[in-house]
């Protein structure tokens, strides 16, 4: 089975010293705003299926990257509503950003797909299939 190590709050393999800064930023975002979104990761045999639950988030506010097996989903939501003439008794929606990710050891860099429907971002990440250079040698 492939090695799949989810990371959030620094629980993942460190590939460079810059990863520590990413982890600190994730911790700060999650601590200051309670805006971290839930995420499911499924091993579907020949691919991984990652689902991020992003109700109310548009395509333009989402950034998805795969870098050396590290799949990152970042959300940056801006409050675009004009508040000048409104008399709020309570207002909980504000601008926020959040990042979640997972380390997929054998993630391929080709054939990735992402779809946003009904508030769920679904990303299909094919697994890298190691090609074996096996040559049959006949004996004379």
C-alpha atoms as a PDB file:
ATOM      1  CA  UNK A   1       0.000   0.000   0.000  1.00  0.00           C
ATOM      2  CA  UNK A   2       1.196   3.486  -0.750  1.00  0.00           C
ATOM      3  CA  UNK A   3       2.375   5.740   2.007  1.00  0.00           C
ATOM      4  CA  UNK A   4      -0.140   8.483   2.633  1.00  0.00           C
ATOM      5  CA  UNK A   5       0.618  10.822   5.494  1.00  0.00           C
ATOM      6  CA  UNK A   6      -1.879  13.636   6.049  1.00  0.00           C
ATOM      7  CA  UNK A   7      -0.409  16.760   7.513  1.00  0.00           C
ATOM      8  CA  UNK A   8      -1.976  19.534   9.475  1.00  0.00           C
ATOM      9  CA  UNK A   9      -0.274  21.358  12.299  1.00  0.00           C
ATOM     10  CA  UNK A  10       3.145  20.008  11.374  1.00  0.00           C
ATOM     11  CA  UNK A  11       2.424  16.277  11.355  1.00  0.00           C
ATOM     12  CA  UNK A  12       4.118  15.330   8.093  1.00  0.00           C
ATOM     13  CA  UNK A  13       7.523  14.568   6.688  1.00  0.00           C
ATOM     14  CA  UNK A  14       9.757  17.595   6.309  1.00  0.00           C
ATOM     15  CA  UNK A  15      11.382  17.838   2.885  1.00  0.00           C
ATOM     16  CA  UNK A  16      12.967  21.251   3.419  1.00  0.00           C
ATOM     17  CA  UNK A  17      13.339  23.841   6.142  1.00  0.00           C
ATOM     18  CA  UNK A  18      10.691  25.957   4.374  1.00  0.00           C
ATOM     19  CA  UNK A  19       8.090  23.333   5.295  1.00  0.00           C
ATOM     20  CA  UNK A  20       8.386  24.457   8.909  1.00  0.00           C
ATOM     21  CA  UNK A  21       7.238  27.952   7.901  1.00  0.00           C
ATOM     22  CA  UNK A  22       4.270  26.473   5.995  1.00  0.00           C
ATOM     23  CA  UNK A  23       3.277  24.547   9.105  1.00  0.00           C
ATOM     24  CA  UNK A  24       3.512  27.647  11.287  1.00  0.00           C
ATOM     25  CA  UNK A  25       1.343  29.583   8.826  1.00  0.00           C
ATOM     26  CA  UNK A  26      -1.229  26.779   8.841  1.00  0.00           C
ATOM     27  CA  UNK A  27      -1.282  26.778  12.637  1.00  0.00           C
ATOM     28  CA  UNK A  28      -1.681  30.557  12.757  1.00  0.00           C
ATOM     29  CA  UNK A  29      -4.504  30.517  10.201  1.00  0.00           C
ATOM     30  CA  UNK A  30      -6.368  27.796  12.054  1.00  0.00           C
ATOM     31  CA  UNK A  31      -5.861  29.352  15.469  1.00  0.00           C
ATOM     32  CA  UNK A  32      -6.893  32.880  14.513  1.00  0.00           C
ATOM     33  CA  UNK A  33      -9.819  31.978  12.280  1.00  0.00           C
ATOM     34  CA  UNK A  34     -11.775  28.836  12.768  1.00  0.00           C
ATOM     35  CA  UNK A  35     -11.948  28.632   8.976  1.00  0.00           C
ATOM     36  CA  UNK A  36     -10.065  25.401   8.315  1.00  0.00           C
ATOM     37  CA  UNK A  37     -12.188  23.223   6.085  1.00  0.00           C
ATOM     38  CA  UNK A  38     -12.776  19.483   6.432  1.00  0.00           C
ATOM     39  CA  UNK A  39     -11.054  17.179   3.984  1.00  0.00           C
ATOM     40  CA  UNK A  40     -11.301  13.459   3.110  1.00  0.00           C
ATOM     41  CA  UNK A  41      -8.556  11.431   1.404  1.00  0.00           C
ATOM     42  CA  UNK A  42      -9.440   8.087  -0.146  1.00  0.00           C
ATOM     43  CA  UNK A  43      -7.097   5.494  -1.623  1.00  0.00           C
ATOM     44  CA  UNK A  44      -9.059   4.322  -4.671  1.00  0.00           C
ATOM     45  CA  UNK A  45      -6.494   1.780  -5.864  1.00  0.00           C
ATOM     46  CA  UNK A  46      -4.882   3.417  -8.875  1.00  0.00           C
ATOM     47  CA  UNK A  47      -5.538   6.974  -7.667  1.00  0.00           C
ATOM     48  CA  UNK A  48      -6.244   9.104  -4.618  1.00  0.00           C
ATOM     49  CA  UNK A  49      -9.540  10.952  -4.319  1.00  0.00           C
ATOM     50  CA  UNK A  50      -9.321  14.070  -2.169  1.00  0.00           C
ATOM     51  CA  UNK A  51     -12.516  15.881  -1.181  1.00  0.00           C
ATOM     52  CA  UNK A  52     -12.480  19.311   0.434  1.00  0.00           C
ATOM     53  CA  UNK A  53     -15.751  20.685   1.754  1.00  0.00           C
ATOM     54  CA  UNK A  54     -15.854  24.346   0.717  1.00  0.00           C
ATOM     55  CA  UNK A  55     -19.448  25.565   0.954  1.00  0.00           C
ATOM     56  CA  UNK A  56     -19.847  29.107  -0.336  1.00  0.00           C
ATOM     57  CA  UNK A  57     -16.358  29.271  -1.871  1.00  0.00           C
ATOM     58  CA  UNK A  58     -16.004  30.068  -5.588  1.00  0.00           C
ATOM     59  CA  UNK A  59     -13.468  28.632  -8.038  1.00  0.00           C
ATOM     60  CA  UNK A  60     -11.560  31.927  -8.117  1.00  0.00           C
ATOM     61  CA  UNK A  61     -10.954  31.720  -4.365  1.00  0.00           C
ATOM     62  CA  UNK A  62      -9.310  28.259  -4.481  1.00  0.00           C
ATOM     63  CA  UNK A  63      -5.710  27.369  -5.309  1.00  0.00           C
ATOM     64  CA  UNK A  64      -4.642  23.720  -5.691  1.00  0.00           C
ATOM     65  CA  UNK A  65      -0.995  22.646  -6.097  1.00  0.00           C
ATOM     66  CA  UNK A  66       0.891  19.371  -6.197  1.00  0.00           C
ATOM     67  CA  UNK A  67       4.582  19.775  -5.374  1.00  0.00           C
ATOM     68  CA  UNK A  68       6.784  16.696  -4.900  1.00  0.00           C
ATOM     69  CA  UNK A  69       3.901  14.630  -3.554  1.00  0.00           C
ATOM     70  CA  UNK A  70       2.495  17.391  -1.372  1.00  0.00           C
ATOM     71  CA  UNK A  71      -1.056  18.316  -2.382  1.00  0.00           C
ATOM     72  CA  UNK A  72      -2.063  21.718  -0.988  1.00  0.00           C
ATOM     73  CA  UNK A  73      -5.485  23.307  -1.130  1.00  0.00           C
ATOM     74  CA  UNK A  74      -5.587  27.004  -0.251  1.00  0.00           C
ATOM     75  CA  UNK A  75      -8.684  29.144   0.106  1.00  0.00           C
ATOM     76  CA  UNK A  76      -8.710  32.938   0.203  1.00  0.00           C
ATOM     77  CA  UNK A  77     -12.213  34.349   0.749  1.00  0.00           C
ATOM     78  CA  UNK A  78     -12.817  38.094   0.598  1.00  0.00           C
ATOM     79  CA  UNK A  79     -15.894  39.723   2.139  1.00  0.00           C
ATOM     80  CA  UNK A  80     -17.129  41.737  -0.852  1.00  0.00           C
ATOM     81  CA  UNK A  81     -20.310  43.044   0.694  1.00  0.00           C
ATOM     82  CA  UNK A  82     -20.635  46.750   1.401  1.00  0.00           C
ATOM     83  CA  UNK A  83     -21.449  47.245   5.088  1.00  0.00           C
ATOM     84  CA  UNK A  84     -21.967  51.006   5.149  1.00  0.00           C
ATOM     85  CA  UNK A  85     -25.771  51.121   5.253  1.00  0.00           C
ATOM     86  CA  UNK A  86     -26.450  47.938   7.190  1.00  0.00           C
ATOM     87  CA  UNK A  87     -27.272  47.662  10.868  1.00  0.00           C
ATOM     88  CA  UNK A  88     -25.964  44.218  11.838  1.00  0.00           C
ATOM     89  CA  UNK A  89     -26.922  42.723  15.178  1.00  0.00           C
ATOM     90  CA  UNK A  90     -24.314  40.027  14.576  1.00  0.00           C
ATOM     91  CA  UNK A  91     -21.879  39.539  11.715  1.00  0.00           C
ATOM     92  CA  UNK A  92     -19.815  36.367  11.614  1.00  0.00           C
ATOM     93  CA  UNK A  93     -18.729  36.282   7.976  1.00  0.00           C
ATOM     94  CA  UNK A  94     -15.370  37.905   7.428  1.00  0.00           C
ATOM     95  CA  UNK A  95     -12.517  37.543   5.000  1.00  0.00           C
ATOM     96  CA  UNK A  96     -10.310  34.557   5.739  1.00  0.00           C
ATOM     97  CA  UNK A  97      -7.732  32.246   4.267  1.00  0.00           C
ATOM     98  CA  UNK A  98      -6.982  28.639   5.080  1.00  0.00           C
ATOM     99  CA  UNK A  99      -4.672  25.944   3.753  1.00  0.00           C
ATOM    100  CA  UNK A 100      -4.919  22.192   4.122  1.00  0.00           C
ATOM    101  CA  UNK A 101      -2.838  19.513   2.544  1.00  0.00           C
ATOM    102  CA  UNK A 102      -1.794  15.920   2.395  1.00  0.00           C
ATOM    103  CA  UNK A 103       1.455  14.208   1.470  1.00  0.00           C
ATOM    104  CA  UNK A 104       0.907  11.522  -1.178  1.00  0.00           C
ATOM    105  CA  UNK A 105       4.163   9.636  -1.588  1.00  0.00           C
ATOM    106  CA  UNK A 106       3.388   8.098  -4.984  1.00  0.00           C
ATOM    107  CA  UNK A 107       1.300  10.888  -6.574  1.00  0.00           C
ATOM    108  CA  UNK A 108       1.722  11.276 -10.333  1.00  0.00           C
ATOM    109  CA  UNK A 109       2.169  14.722 -11.839  1.00  0.00           C
ATOM    110  CA  UNK A 110       0.089  13.984 -14.932  1.00  0.00           C
ATOM    111  CA  UNK A 111      -3.611  13.251 -15.295  1.00  0.00           C
ATOM    112  CA  UNK A 112      -4.749  15.283 -12.285  1.00  0.00           C
ATOM    113  CA  UNK A 113      -8.340  16.526 -12.325  1.00  0.00           C
ATOM    114  CA  UNK A 114     -10.283  18.841 -10.038  1.00  0.00           C
ATOM    115  CA  UNK A 115     -14.010  19.583  -9.951  1.00  0.00           C
ATOM    116  CA  UNK A 116     -16.028  21.930  -7.743  1.00  0.00           C
ATOM    117  CA  UNK A 117     -19.697  21.004  -7.414  1.00  0.00           C
ATOM    118  CA  UNK A 118     -22.234  21.688  -4.659  1.00  0.00           C
ATOM    119  CA  UNK A 119     -19.568  23.058  -2.319  1.00  0.00           C
ATOM    120  CA  UNK A 120     -17.315  20.004  -2.615  1.00  0.00           C
ATOM    121  CA  UNK A 121     -13.940  20.190  -4.357  1.00  0.00           C
ATOM    122  CA  UNK A 122     -13.020  16.716  -5.651  1.00  0.00           C
ATOM    123  CA  UNK A 123      -9.441  16.140  -6.793  1.00  0.00           C
ATOM    124  CA  UNK A 124      -8.357  12.914  -8.493  1.00  0.00           C
ATOM    125  CA  UNK A 125      -4.625  12.274  -8.173  1.00  0.00           C
ATOM    126  CA  UNK A 126      -3.358   9.270 -10.162  1.00  0.00           C
ATOM    127  CA  UNK A 127      -0.679   7.160  -8.562  1.00  0.00           C
ATOM    128  CA  UNK A 128       2.763   7.020 -10.109  1.00  0.00           C
ATOM    129  CA  UNK A 129       3.353   3.638 -11.667  1.00  0.00           C
ATOM    130  CA  UNK A 130       7.005   2.784 -11.613  1.00  0.00           C
ATOM    131  CA  UNK A 131       8.044   1.441 -14.973  1.00  0.00           C
ATOM    132  CA  UNK A 132      10.351  -1.457 -14.647  1.00  0.00           C
ATOM    133  CA  UNK A 133      13.033  -1.714 -17.272  1.00  0.00           C
ATOM    134  CA  UNK A 134      13.054  -5.461 -17.516  1.00  0.00           C
ATOM    135  CA  UNK A 135      14.600  -6.980 -20.569  1.00  0.00           C
ATOM    136  CA  UNK A 136      14.287 -10.649 -21.352  1.00  0.00           C
ATOM    137  CA  UNK A 137      17.670 -12.087 -22.294  1.00  0.00           C
ATOM    138  CA  UNK A 138      17.766 -15.230 -24.345  1.00  0.00           C
ATOM    139  CA  UNK A 139      20.419 -17.838 -23.651  1.00  0.00           C
ATOM    140  CA  UNK A 140      22.434 -19.153 -26.592  1.00  0.00           C
END
